[in-house]
Amino acid sequence: MTFHEFGKQNRKTIILIHPSIVIWDYFEYVIPLLDKDYHVVVPSLPGYDPDRRDDFTSVEEIATETEKWIKSRGITEVECVYGCSMGGSIVIRLLANVRIAIRHAVIDGGITPYRLPWIITRLIAVKDFLLISMGKLGGIKLLEKAFSTDNLSGEDVKYAAKVLKMISYKTIWRTFESCNNYSMPSVIKDNCPCVEYWVAEAEVKDRKADIQYVKSAFPNTKFRLIKNVGHGGLAPFQPEKFVRGIRAVCKQ
């Protein structure tokens, strides 16, 4: 896993974890707005790293590898960890592991484990796999409708096509199978002083079960509705609003 660093001279560290079907440059408009005040770390997740030929592993493995990297750099406390969708799943697992000190956490439309019979969870994973695979074969516009995203411009469609061409079918399968079914401790310690779950206005219905899970797992979580944005649309399409939100969280 590659970790991209910006503003390394700054004391406080912010980790930004991207969603699926994008690469780490998903945060390209956000980084210049944060790296003057924060040490910004952006992991390039397995299967989505343009500089490495590999496949997605699992939410659990990525969380563990992130923790090892943080400790190897001598970082004793993370000011804020943010993750969107798939990245939100990794944030949830980081919080549950309690292996690194995290002062603030933002789960943006994060995917939580299904609490359904095994066969149902696999059928859902198959459905998601087929949908993304259709996008890989050229039906990218289907993704807007299926995942409550913002309307994509021509350039956005080209970007999505490039990423879909890069990632493997194994990565697509593992992404959904893992994000929908990653393991969590039977007893979850709520050690982060400030956790927020952000839900985009366009995806409130889709995130209902995820919100209920987070309420149960992390009872002190604050929930914030993000208006006029679709799933995963805040960082790339409204970076100033994104940064205001992160800064507001870090002041708590």
C-alpha atoms as a PDB file:
ATOM      1  CA  MET A   1       0.000   0.000   0.000  1.00  0.00           C
ATOM      2  CA  THR A   2       1.311   3.450  -0.921  1.00  0.00           C
ATOM      3  CA  PHE A   3       0.851   6.366   1.492  1.00  0.00           C
ATOM      4  CA  HIS A   4       0.987   9.842  -0.065  1.00  0.00           C
ATOM      5  CA  GLU A   5       2.034  12.609   2.330  1.00  0.00           C
ATOM      6  CA  PHE A   6       1.594  16.369   2.169  1.00  0.00           C
ATOM      7  CA  GLY A   7       2.416  19.083   4.687  1.00  0.00           C
ATOM      8  CA  LYS A   8       4.803  16.784   6.556  1.00  0.00           C
ATOM      9  CA  GLN A   9       6.151  19.758   8.485  1.00  0.00           C
ATOM     10  CA  ASN A  10       2.845  20.105  10.354  1.00  0.00           C
ATOM     11  CA  ARG A  11       2.299  18.447  13.719  1.00  0.00           C
ATOM     12  CA  LYS A  12      -1.327  17.339  13.420  1.00  0.00           C
ATOM     13  CA  THR A  13      -2.078  14.421  11.080  1.00  0.00           C
ATOM     14  CA  ILE A  14      -5.226  13.929   9.017  1.00  0.00           C
ATOM     15  CA  ILE A  15      -5.812  10.659   7.141  1.00  0.00           C
ATOM     16  CA  LEU A  16      -8.129  10.697   4.115  1.00  0.00           C
ATOM     17  CA  ILE A  17      -9.369   7.308   2.822  1.00  0.00           C
ATOM     18  CA  HIS A  18     -10.976   7.226  -0.608  1.00  0.00           C
ATOM     19  CA  PRO A  19     -14.085   5.305  -1.743  1.00  0.00           C
ATOM     20  CA  SER A  20     -14.184   2.615  -4.421  1.00  0.00           C
ATOM     21  CA  ILE A  21     -14.094   3.259  -8.191  1.00  0.00           C
ATOM     22  CA  VAL A  22     -11.648   6.141  -7.704  1.00  0.00           C
ATOM     23  CA  ILE A  23      -7.951   6.427  -6.907  1.00  0.00           C
ATOM     24  CA  TRP A  24      -6.195   8.512  -4.275  1.00  0.00           C
ATOM     25  CA  ASP A  25      -6.401  11.697  -6.385  1.00  0.00           C
ATOM     26  CA  TYR A  26     -10.094  11.778  -5.423  1.00  0.00           C
ATOM     27  CA  PHE A  27      -8.786  14.266  -2.810  1.00  0.00           C
ATOM     28  CA  GLU A  28      -6.753  16.404  -5.229  1.00  0.00           C
ATOM     29  CA  TYR A  29      -8.836  19.557  -4.616  1.00  0.00           C
ATOM     30  CA  VAL A  30      -8.939  19.046  -0.866  1.00  0.00           C
ATOM     31  CA  ILE A  31      -5.231  18.475  -0.216  1.00  0.00           C
ATOM     32  CA  PRO A  32      -4.051  22.056  -1.055  1.00  0.00           C
ATOM     33  CA  LEU A  33      -6.702  23.430   1.312  1.00  0.00           C
ATOM     34  CA  LEU A  34      -5.483  21.326   4.235  1.00  0.00           C
ATOM     35  CA  ASP A  35      -1.743  20.791   3.870  1.00  0.00           C
ATOM     36  CA  LYS A  36      -0.779  24.253   5.060  1.00  0.00           C
ATOM     37  CA  ASP A  37      -2.053  23.407   8.531  1.00  0.00           C
ATOM     38  CA  TYR A  38      -2.071  19.614   8.659  1.00  0.00           C
ATOM     39  CA  HIS A  39       0.098  16.658   7.792  1.00  0.00           C
ATOM     40  CA  VAL A  40      -2.224  15.072   5.231  1.00  0.00           C
ATOM     41  CA  VAL A  41      -1.900  11.337   4.574  1.00  0.00           C
ATOM     42  CA  VAL A  42      -3.779   9.737   1.666  1.00  0.00           C
ATOM     43  CA  PRO A  43      -3.438   5.950   1.334  1.00  0.00           C
ATOM     44  CA  SER A  44      -3.646   4.479  -2.160  1.00  0.00           C
ATOM     45  CA  LEU A  45      -5.665   1.368  -1.430  1.00  0.00           C
ATOM     46  CA  PRO A  46      -4.803  -2.076  -2.844  1.00  0.00           C
ATOM     47  CA  GLY A  47      -6.412  -2.686  -6.216  1.00  0.00           C
ATOM     48  CA  TYR A  48      -6.853   1.060  -6.727  1.00  0.00           C
ATOM     49  CA  ASP A  49      -3.179   2.044  -6.795  1.00  0.00           C
ATOM     50  CA  PRO A  50      -2.109   3.134 -10.304  1.00  0.00           C
ATOM     51  CA  ASP A  51       1.545   2.561  -9.342  1.00  0.00           C
ATOM     52  CA  ARG A  52       1.114  -1.074  -8.261  1.00  0.00           C
ATOM     53  CA  ARG A  53      -0.418  -4.119  -9.914  1.00  0.00           C
ATOM     54  CA  ASP A  54      -2.348  -5.737  -7.092  1.00  0.00           C
ATOM     55  CA  ASP A  55      -5.891  -6.506  -5.965  1.00  0.00           C
ATOM     56  CA  PHE A  56      -8.082  -5.290  -3.142  1.00  0.00           C
ATOM     57  CA  THR A  57      -7.452  -7.268   0.035  1.00  0.00           C
ATOM     58  CA  SER A  58     -10.013  -6.615   2.769  1.00  0.00           C
ATOM     59  CA  VAL A  59     -11.245  -3.923   5.108  1.00  0.00           C
ATOM     60  CA  GLU A  60      -9.527  -5.667   8.023  1.00  0.00           C
ATOM     61  CA  GLU A  61      -6.149  -6.000   6.279  1.00  0.00           C
ATOM     62  CA  ILE A  62      -6.146  -2.398   5.066  1.00  0.00           C
ATOM     63  CA  ALA A  63      -6.975  -1.111   8.564  1.00  0.00           C
ATOM     64  CA  THR A  64      -4.118  -3.173  10.030  1.00  0.00           C
ATOM     65  CA  GLU A  65      -1.650  -2.012   7.379  1.00  0.00           C
ATOM     66  CA  THR A  66      -2.643   1.616   7.975  1.00  0.00           C
ATOM     67  CA  GLU A  67      -2.084   1.218  11.722  1.00  0.00           C
ATOM     68  CA  LYS A  68       1.348  -0.323  11.151  1.00  0.00           C
ATOM     69  CA  TRP A  69       2.340   2.535   8.848  1.00  0.00           C
ATOM     70  CA  ILE A  70       1.176   5.179  11.337  1.00  0.00           C
ATOM     71  CA  LYS A  71       3.180   3.558  14.137  1.00  0.00           C
ATOM     72  CA  SER A  72       6.246   3.150  11.911  1.00  0.00           C
ATOM     73  CA  ARG A  73       6.243   6.910  11.331  1.00  0.00           C
ATOM     74  CA  GLY A  74       6.209   7.616  15.051  1.00  0.00           C
ATOM     75  CA  ILE A  75       2.779   9.253  14.908  1.00  0.00           C
ATOM     76  CA  THR A  76       1.309   8.844  18.390  1.00  0.00           C
ATOM     77  CA  GLU A  77      -2.039  10.501  17.715  1.00  0.00           C
ATOM     78  CA  VAL A  78      -4.156  11.103  14.616  1.00  0.00           C
ATOM     79  CA  GLU A  79      -6.043  14.370  14.666  1.00  0.00           C
ATOM     80  CA  CYS A  80      -8.730  13.180  12.241  1.00  0.00           C
ATOM     81  CA  VAL A  81      -9.391  10.152  10.060  1.00  0.00           C
ATOM     82  CA  TYR A  82     -11.933  10.542   7.250  1.00  0.00           C
ATOM     83  CA  GLY A  83     -13.286   7.843   4.978  1.00  0.00           C
ATOM     84  CA  CYS A  84     -15.984   7.841   2.316  1.00  0.00           C
ATOM     85  CA  SER A  85     -18.109   4.788   1.440  1.00  0.00           C
ATOM     86  CA  MET A  86     -15.528   1.967   1.236  1.00  0.00           C
ATOM     87  CA  GLY A  87     -13.150   4.302   3.047  1.00  0.00           C
ATOM     88  CA  GLY A  88     -15.805   4.758   5.719  1.00  0.00           C
ATOM     89  CA  SER A  89     -15.788   0.994   6.298  1.00  0.00           C
ATOM     90  CA  ILE A  90     -12.048   1.198   6.963  1.00  0.00           C
ATOM     91  CA  VAL A  91     -12.549   4.092   9.402  1.00  0.00           C
ATOM     92  CA  ILE A  92     -15.136   2.027  11.283  1.00  0.00           C
ATOM     93  CA  ARG A  93     -12.706  -0.874  11.555  1.00  0.00           C
ATOM     94  CA  LEU A  94      -9.887   1.464  12.687  1.00  0.00           C
ATOM     95  CA  LEU A  95     -12.149   2.783  15.441  1.00  0.00           C
ATOM     96  CA  ALA A  96     -13.077  -0.737  16.522  1.00  0.00           C
ATOM     97  CA  ASN A  97      -9.445  -1.908  16.595  1.00  0.00           C
ATOM     98  CA  VAL A  98      -8.403   0.805  19.107  1.00  0.00           C
ATOM     99  CA  ARG A  99      -4.741   0.317  18.132  1.00  0.00           C
ATOM    100  CA  ILE A 100      -3.988   3.962  17.337  1.00  0.00           C
ATOM    101  CA  ALA A 101      -5.175   7.096  19.126  1.00  0.00           C
ATOM    102  CA  ILE A 102      -7.747   8.956  17.008  1.00  0.00           C
ATOM    103  CA  ARG A 103      -9.104  12.300  18.234  1.00  0.00           C
ATOM    104  CA  HIS A 104     -11.756  12.824  15.548  1.00  0.00           C
ATOM    105  CA  ALA A 105     -13.330  10.545  12.945  1.00  0.00           C
ATOM    106  CA  VAL A 106     -15.648  11.214  10.019  1.00  0.00           C
ATOM    107  CA  ILE A 107     -17.531   8.354   8.346  1.00  0.00           C
ATOM    108  CA  ASP A 108     -18.992   9.759   5.116  1.00  0.00           C
ATOM    109  CA  GLY A 109     -21.702   7.427   3.793  1.00  0.00           C
ATOM    110  CA  GLY A 110     -19.678   4.561   5.238  1.00  0.00           C
ATOM    111  CA  ILE A 111     -20.701   0.976   4.515  1.00  0.00           C
ATOM    112  CA  THR A 112     -21.363  -1.205   7.561  1.00  0.00           C
ATOM    113  CA  PRO A 113     -21.512  -5.023   7.760  1.00  0.00           C
ATOM    114  CA  TYR A 114     -24.841  -6.540   6.817  1.00  0.00           C
ATOM    115  CA  ARG A 115     -26.710  -8.273   9.623  1.00  0.00           C
ATOM    116  CA  LEU A 116     -28.452 -10.705   7.287  1.00  0.00           C
ATOM    117  CA  PRO A 117     -28.272 -14.437   6.522  1.00  0.00           C
ATOM    118  CA  TRP A 118     -25.077 -15.467   4.723  1.00  0.00           C
ATOM    119  CA  ILE A 119     -26.802 -16.381   1.446  1.00  0.00           C
ATOM    120  CA  ILE A 120     -28.557 -12.975   1.294  1.00  0.00           C
ATOM    121  CA  THR A 121     -25.284 -11.103   1.776  1.00  0.00           C
ATOM    122  CA  ARG A 122     -23.685 -13.073  -1.060  1.00  0.00           C
ATOM    123  CA  LEU A 123     -26.603 -12.354  -3.388  1.00  0.00           C
ATOM    124  CA  ILE A 124     -26.233  -8.639  -2.654  1.00  0.00           C
ATOM    125  CA  ALA A 125     -22.487  -8.852  -3.331  1.00  0.00           C
ATOM    126  CA  VAL A 126     -23.186 -10.584  -6.650  1.00  0.00           C
ATOM    127  CA  LYS A 127     -25.676  -7.848  -7.604  1.00  0.00           C
ATOM    128  CA  ASP A 128     -23.157  -5.086  -6.814  1.00  0.00           C
ATOM    129  CA  PHE A 129     -20.368  -6.970  -8.608  1.00  0.00           C
ATOM    130  CA  LEU A 130     -22.461  -7.334 -11.758  1.00  0.00           C
ATOM    131  CA  LEU A 131     -23.477  -3.676 -11.690  1.00  0.00           C
ATOM    132  CA  ILE A 132     -19.890  -2.412 -11.420  1.00  0.00           C
ATOM    133  CA  SER A 133     -18.739  -4.961 -13.973  1.00  0.00           C
ATOM    134  CA  MET A 134     -21.322  -3.551 -16.394  1.00  0.00           C
ATOM    135  CA  GLY A 135     -19.814  -0.134 -15.743  1.00  0.00           C
ATOM    136  CA  LYS A 136     -16.382  -1.592 -16.512  1.00  0.00           C
ATOM    137  CA  LEU A 137     -17.761  -2.844 -19.823  1.00  0.00           C
ATOM    138  CA  GLY A 138     -19.069   0.613 -20.731  1.00  0.00           C
ATOM    139  CA  GLY A 139     -22.243   1.332 -18.797  1.00  0.00           C
ATOM    140  CA  ILE A 140     -20.759   3.964 -16.513  1.00  0.00           C
ATOM    141  CA  LYS A 141     -23.884   6.118 -16.446  1.00  0.00           C
ATOM    142  CA  LEU A 142     -25.626   3.265 -14.609  1.00  0.00           C
ATOM    143  CA  LEU A 143     -23.482   4.056 -11.579  1.00  0.00           C
ATOM    144  CA  GLU A 144     -25.079   7.482 -11.109  1.00  0.00           C
ATOM    145  CA  LYS A 145     -28.531   5.996 -10.747  1.00  0.00           C
ATOM    146  CA  ALA A 146     -27.503   2.955  -8.734  1.00  0.00           C
ATOM    147  CA  PHE A 147     -25.374   4.699  -6.123  1.00  0.00           C
ATOM    148  CA  SER A 148     -27.086   8.095  -5.675  1.00  0.00           C
ATOM    149  CA  THR A 149     -24.074   9.927  -7.047  1.00  0.00           C
ATOM    150  CA  ASP A 150     -23.990  13.465  -8.398  1.00  0.00           C
ATOM    151  CA  ASN A 151     -24.560  13.915 -12.119  1.00  0.00           C
ATOM    152  CA  LEU A 152     -21.265  13.152 -13.823  1.00  0.00           C
ATOM    153  CA  SER A 153     -19.762  15.467 -16.395  1.00  0.00           C
ATOM    154  CA  GLY A 154     -18.038  14.204 -19.513  1.00  0.00           C
ATOM    155  CA  GLU A 155     -14.670  14.471 -17.776  1.00  0.00           C
ATOM    156  CA  ASP A 156     -16.003  12.611 -14.731  1.00  0.00           C
ATOM    157  CA  VAL A 157     -17.237   9.784 -16.962  1.00  0.00           C
ATOM    158  CA  LYS A 158     -13.799   9.552 -18.609  1.00  0.00           C
ATOM    159  CA  TYR A 159     -12.178   9.417 -15.172  1.00  0.00           C
ATOM    160  CA  ALA A 160     -14.506   6.635 -14.001  1.00  0.00           C
ATOM    161  CA  ALA A 161     -13.870   4.708 -17.233  1.00  0.00           C
ATOM    162  CA  LYS A 162     -10.114   4.983 -16.696  1.00  0.00           C
ATOM    163  CA  VAL A 163     -10.344   3.680 -13.123  1.00  0.00           C
ATOM    164  CA  LEU A 164     -12.709   0.860 -14.071  1.00  0.00           C
ATOM    165  CA  LYS A 165     -10.351  -0.187 -16.854  1.00  0.00           C
ATOM    166  CA  MET A 166      -7.453  -0.266 -14.370  1.00  0.00           C
ATOM    167  CA  ILE A 167      -9.057  -2.291 -11.582  1.00  0.00           C
ATOM    168  CA  SER A 168      -9.518  -6.052 -11.840  1.00  0.00           C
ATOM    169  CA  TYR A 169     -12.691  -8.074 -11.537  1.00  0.00           C
ATOM    170  CA  LYS A 170     -11.139  -9.627  -8.420  1.00  0.00           C
ATOM    171  CA  THR A 171     -10.839  -6.151  -6.908  1.00  0.00           C
ATOM    172  CA  ILE A 172     -14.474  -5.373  -7.725  1.00  0.00           C
ATOM    173  CA  TRP A 173     -15.658  -8.604  -6.090  1.00  0.00           C
ATOM    174  CA  ARG A 174     -13.464  -8.282  -3.010  1.00  0.00           C
ATOM    175  CA  THR A 175     -14.446  -4.639  -2.519  1.00  0.00           C
ATOM    176  CA  PHE A 176     -18.146  -5.393  -2.146  1.00  0.00           C
ATOM    177  CA  GLU A 177     -17.775  -8.773  -0.467  1.00  0.00           C
ATOM    178  CA  SER A 178     -15.485  -7.261   2.173  1.00  0.00           C
ATOM    179  CA  CYS A 179     -17.246  -3.931   2.713  1.00  0.00           C
ATOM    180  CA  ASN A 180     -20.574  -5.701   3.166  1.00  0.00           C
ATOM    181  CA  ASN A 181     -19.273  -8.419   5.476  1.00  0.00           C
ATOM    182  CA  TYR A 182     -16.127  -7.308   7.321  1.00  0.00           C
ATOM    183  CA  SER A 183     -15.758  -8.559  10.860  1.00  0.00           C
ATOM    184  CA  MET A 184     -16.187  -6.428  13.955  1.00  0.00           C
ATOM    185  CA  PRO A 185     -15.405  -7.181  17.614  1.00  0.00           C
ATOM    186  CA  SER A 186     -18.287  -8.578  19.664  1.00  0.00           C
ATOM    187  CA  VAL A 187     -17.658  -5.780  22.160  1.00  0.00           C
ATOM    188  CA  ILE A 188     -16.767  -2.427  20.603  1.00  0.00           C
ATOM    189  CA  LYS A 189     -14.828   0.126  22.625  1.00  0.00           C
ATOM    190  CA  ASP A 190     -15.902   3.675  21.831  1.00  0.00           C
ATOM    191  CA  ASN A 191     -12.564   5.376  22.571  1.00  0.00           C
ATOM    192  CA  CYS A 192     -12.636   8.172  19.978  1.00  0.00           C
ATOM    193  CA  PRO A 193     -13.861  11.397  21.635  1.00  0.00           C
ATOM    194  CA  CYS A 194     -15.563  12.691  18.465  1.00  0.00           C
ATOM    195  CA  VAL A 195     -17.171  10.601  15.732  1.00  0.00           C
ATOM    196  CA  GLU A 196     -19.402  12.032  13.007  1.00  0.00           C
ATOM    197  CA  TYR A 197     -21.378  10.177  10.349  1.00  0.00           C
ATOM    198  CA  TRP A 198     -22.073  12.295   7.294  1.00  0.00           C
ATOM    199  CA  VAL A 199     -24.923  11.325   5.003  1.00  0.00           C
ATOM    200  CA  ALA A 200     -25.522  13.021   1.654  1.00  0.00           C
ATOM    201  CA  GLU A 201     -29.000  14.352   1.033  1.00  0.00           C
ATOM    202  CA  ALA A 202     -29.387  12.120  -2.044  1.00  0.00           C
ATOM    203  CA  GLU A 203     -28.563   8.899  -0.169  1.00  0.00           C
ATOM    204  CA  VAL A 204     -30.501   9.145   3.108  1.00  0.00           C
ATOM    205  CA  LYS A 205     -32.732   6.191   2.243  1.00  0.00           C
ATOM    206  CA  ASP A 206     -29.813   4.064   1.035  1.00  0.00           C
ATOM    207  CA  ARG A 207     -27.843   4.620   4.245  1.00  0.00           C
ATOM    208  CA  LYS A 208     -30.662   3.842   6.694  1.00  0.00           C
ATOM    209  CA  ALA A 209     -29.265   0.471   7.813  1.00  0.00           C
ATOM    210  CA  ASP A 210     -25.722   1.878   8.023  1.00  0.00           C
ATOM    211  CA  ILE A 211     -26.885   4.716  10.258  1.00  0.00           C
ATOM    212  CA  GLN A 212     -28.640   2.266  12.569  1.00  0.00           C
ATOM    213  CA  TYR A 213     -25.501   0.132  12.788  1.00  0.00           C
ATOM    214  CA  VAL A 214     -23.287   3.110  13.645  1.00  0.00           C
ATOM    215  CA  LYS A 215     -25.773   4.287  16.287  1.00  0.00           C
ATOM    216  CA  SER A 216     -25.531   0.874  17.906  1.00  0.00           C
ATOM    217  CA  ALA A 217     -21.756   0.444  17.584  1.00  0.00           C
ATOM    218  CA  PHE A 218     -20.730   4.017  18.451  1.00  0.00           C
ATOM    219  CA  PRO A 219     -23.563   5.547  20.524  1.00  0.00           C
ATOM    220  CA  ASN A 220     -21.910   8.953  20.860  1.00  0.00           C
ATOM    221  CA  THR A 221     -21.749   9.519  17.100  1.00  0.00           C
ATOM    222  CA  LYS A 222     -23.121  12.789  15.762  1.00  0.00           C
ATOM    223  CA  PHE A 223     -25.044  12.554  12.487  1.00  0.00           C
ATOM    224  CA  ARG A 224     -24.838  15.310   9.905  1.00  0.00           C
ATOM    225  CA  LEU A 225     -26.929  15.727   6.757  1.00  0.00           C
ATOM    226  CA  ILE A 226     -24.937  17.121   3.828  1.00  0.00           C
ATOM    227  CA  LYS A 227     -27.306  18.971   1.520  1.00  0.00           C
ATOM    228  CA  ASN A 228     -27.102  19.338  -2.252  1.00  0.00           C
ATOM    229  CA  VAL A 229     -24.641  16.495  -2.766  1.00  0.00           C
ATOM    230  CA  GLY A 230     -24.723  12.850  -3.825  1.00  0.00           C
ATOM    231  CA  HIS A 231     -22.893   9.818  -2.475  1.00  0.00           C
ATOM    232  CA  GLY A 232     -19.175  10.551  -2.407  1.00  0.00           C
ATOM    233  CA  GLY A 233     -19.627  13.935  -4.051  1.00  0.00           C
ATOM    234  CA  LEU A 234     -18.380  16.285  -1.362  1.00  0.00           C
ATOM    235  CA  ALA A 235     -14.579  16.083  -1.703  1.00  0.00           C
ATOM    236  CA  PRO A 236     -14.358  16.194  -5.530  1.00  0.00           C
ATOM    237  CA  PHE A 237     -17.253  18.566  -6.267  1.00  0.00           C
ATOM    238  CA  GLN A 238     -17.451  20.822  -3.177  1.00  0.00           C
ATOM    239  CA  PRO A 239     -13.922  20.790  -1.693  1.00  0.00           C
ATOM    240  CA  GLU A 240     -14.292  24.060   0.216  1.00  0.00           C
ATOM    241  CA  LYS A 241     -17.417  22.753   1.951  1.00  0.00           C
ATOM    242  CA  PHE A 242     -15.595  19.492   2.675  1.00  0.00           C
ATOM    243  CA  VAL A 243     -12.678  21.309   4.308  1.00  0.00           C
ATOM    244  CA  ARG A 244     -14.992  23.525   6.375  1.00  0.00           C
ATOM    245  CA  GLY A 245     -16.633  20.373   7.660  1.00  0.00           C
ATOM    246  CA  ILE A 246     -13.323  18.716   8.572  1.00  0.00           C
ATOM    247  CA  ARG A 247     -12.064  21.859  10.301  1.00  0.00           C
ATOM    248  CA  ALA A 248     -15.322  22.151  12.262  1.00  0.00           C
ATOM    249  CA  VAL A 249     -14.992  18.533  13.426  1.00  0.00           C
ATOM    250  CA  CYS A 250     -11.390  19.109  14.526  1.00  0.00           C
ATOM    251  CA  LYS A 251     -12.422  22.086  16.680  1.00  0.00           C
ATOM    252  CA  GLN A 252     -14.669  19.881  18.839  1.00  0.00           C
END
